[in-house]
Each structure stands twice: as C-alpha cells, then as structure tokens.
Amino acid sequence: MALSTVTIRVDDTLKNNFNSLCGQFGLSNTAAYILFMKAVVRERRIPFDIRIDSDEEIRTKAVNAFAQMRADAARRNMRDLSVDEINKIINEVRDGK
C-alpha cells in the first residue's frame, strides 16, 4: 500500500486544541484524520450533521423559547419587564456588568 501526504492549513489555536484533544483520546492527529477519512469513505457521507436551520425553524425555535420563558416567569410570579428595563439588562450584559 502506497502512502500519500495530505497537507491542510488551519489556524494555530484550532490545531493546538485538536492535537490536545486527540492526545486525551490516545490518538495522534494523523490517526484522527485517518479515522475521519475512513468513516467518510465507508459511510459515503460526512459522519456528522452539517446544516443550517431554515428561517422558519429559527422563528419557531424563537417563539417556543419565548413562550417557555413567559411560562417560567408566570410560574415564578415575575412581572413583565418594560422595553426600557429589557434594554438596560441588555446593555449591562454587553458592558460586562
């Protein structure tokens, strides 16, 4: 079996994090790449989901999350916040307070 070299370019942080995790798994980064490549060939697909939610899915998730938050607030007897109060909280979070 002839061996070939594969070269990929990634930023240093990603490479270092990947190598560290591979080490924790007891693998070299080369072994991890080979495992990934074999899974792609064997399964004839990328072995994990790569997708973007549709606008409708995003909207539905947002509406459901909002309804859940309102239900949680009602269970805790929390009053509704005004727009000014909401903006104040948002600005505090942005400012790191």
Protein backbone atom coordinates (compact mmCIF):
# COMPACT_ATOMS: atom_id res chain seq x y z
CA MET A 1 0.00 0.00 0.00
CA ALA A 2 1.47 3.34 -1.08
CA LEU A 3 1.18 6.20 1.39
CA SER A 4 0.47 9.80 0.47
CA THR A 5 0.92 13.03 2.36
CA VAL A 6 -2.05 15.31 2.95
CA THR A 7 -1.44 18.93 3.89
CA ILE A 8 -4.12 21.15 5.40
CA ARG A 9 -3.94 24.73 6.62
CA VAL A 10 -5.63 25.67 9.90
CA ASP A 11 -5.08 28.40 12.44
CA ASP A 12 -2.71 27.62 15.29
CA THR A 13 -5.36 27.70 18.01
CA LEU A 14 -7.56 25.15 16.24
CA LYS A 15 -4.55 22.92 15.54
CA ASN A 16 -3.34 23.06 19.15
CA ASN A 17 -6.83 22.40 20.57
CA PHE A 18 -7.33 19.50 18.14
CA ASN A 19 -3.94 17.97 18.95
CA SER A 20 -4.60 18.30 22.68
CA LEU A 21 -7.97 16.57 22.43
CA CYS A 22 -6.56 13.83 20.21
CA GLY A 23 -3.89 13.23 22.84
CA GLN A 24 -6.57 12.93 25.51
CA PHE A 25 -8.29 10.33 23.33
CA GLY A 26 -5.00 8.47 22.97
CA LEU A 27 -4.73 9.34 19.28
CA SER A 28 -2.29 11.27 17.17
CA ASN A 29 -3.77 13.93 14.96
CA THR A 30 -2.79 11.76 11.97
CA ALA A 31 -4.76 8.81 13.38
CA ALA A 32 -7.78 11.07 13.91
CA TYR A 33 -7.62 12.33 10.32
CA ILE A 34 -7.38 8.77 9.03
CA LEU A 35 -10.35 7.68 11.18
CA PHE A 36 -12.37 10.60 9.79
CA MET A 37 -11.38 9.85 6.20
CA LYS A 38 -12.19 6.14 6.57
CA ALA A 39 -15.61 6.96 8.06
CA VAL A 40 -16.38 9.29 5.13
CA VAL A 41 -15.38 6.64 2.59
CA ARG A 42 -17.16 3.79 4.43
CA GLU A 43 -20.40 5.72 5.04
CA ARG A 44 -20.21 7.79 1.85
CA ARG A 45 -21.14 10.88 3.86
CA ILE A 46 -19.69 13.31 6.38
CA PRO A 47 -20.19 11.40 9.64
CA PHE A 48 -21.90 14.28 11.44
CA ASP A 49 -24.65 16.76 10.64
CA ILE A 50 -23.73 19.90 8.78
CA ARG A 51 -26.82 22.02 8.47
CA ILE A 52 -28.35 25.41 8.93
CA ASP A 53 -31.85 25.82 10.28
CA SER A 54 -34.32 27.33 7.85
CA ASP A 55 -35.76 30.75 8.66
CA GLU A 56 -39.00 29.04 9.67
CA GLU A 57 -37.17 26.65 12.03
CA ILE A 58 -35.32 29.58 13.61
CA ARG A 59 -38.57 31.53 14.02
CA THR A 60 -40.35 28.51 15.53
CA LYS A 61 -37.50 27.91 17.99
CA ALA A 62 -37.52 31.58 18.98
CA VAL A 63 -41.30 31.63 19.51
CA ASN A 64 -41.10 28.42 21.56
CA ALA A 65 -38.23 29.78 23.66
CA PHE A 66 -40.14 33.00 24.28
CA ALA A 67 -43.28 31.07 25.28
CA GLN A 68 -41.19 28.91 27.65
CA MET A 69 -39.64 32.00 29.25
CA ARG A 70 -43.06 33.56 29.73
CA ALA A 71 -44.38 30.34 31.28
CA ASP A 72 -41.37 30.15 33.61
CA ALA A 73 -41.85 33.79 34.60
CA ALA A 74 -45.56 33.21 35.29
CA ARG A 75 -44.77 30.19 37.49
CA ARG A 76 -42.37 32.36 39.49
CA ASN A 77 -44.87 35.23 39.69
CA MET A 78 -42.47 37.52 37.85
CA ARG A 79 -43.91 40.65 36.29
CA ASP A 80 -43.31 41.61 32.66
CA LEU A 81 -40.38 43.91 32.02
CA SER A 82 -40.74 47.18 30.16
CA VAL A 83 -38.76 47.77 26.98
CA ASP A 84 -36.55 50.20 28.92
CA GLU A 85 -35.85 47.55 31.58
CA ILE A 86 -35.04 44.97 28.91
CA ASN A 87 -32.67 47.38 27.14
CA LYS A 88 -31.00 48.21 30.46
CA ILE A 89 -30.33 44.49 31.09
CA ILE A 90 -29.02 44.01 27.56
CA ASN A 91 -26.67 46.98 27.92
CA GLU A 92 -25.43 45.73 31.31
CA VAL A 93 -24.63 42.34 29.80
CA ARG A 94 -22.84 43.98 26.86
CA ASP A 95 -20.84 46.14 29.27
CA GLY A 96 -19.89 43.07 31.30
CA LYS A 97 -21.71 44.07 34.48
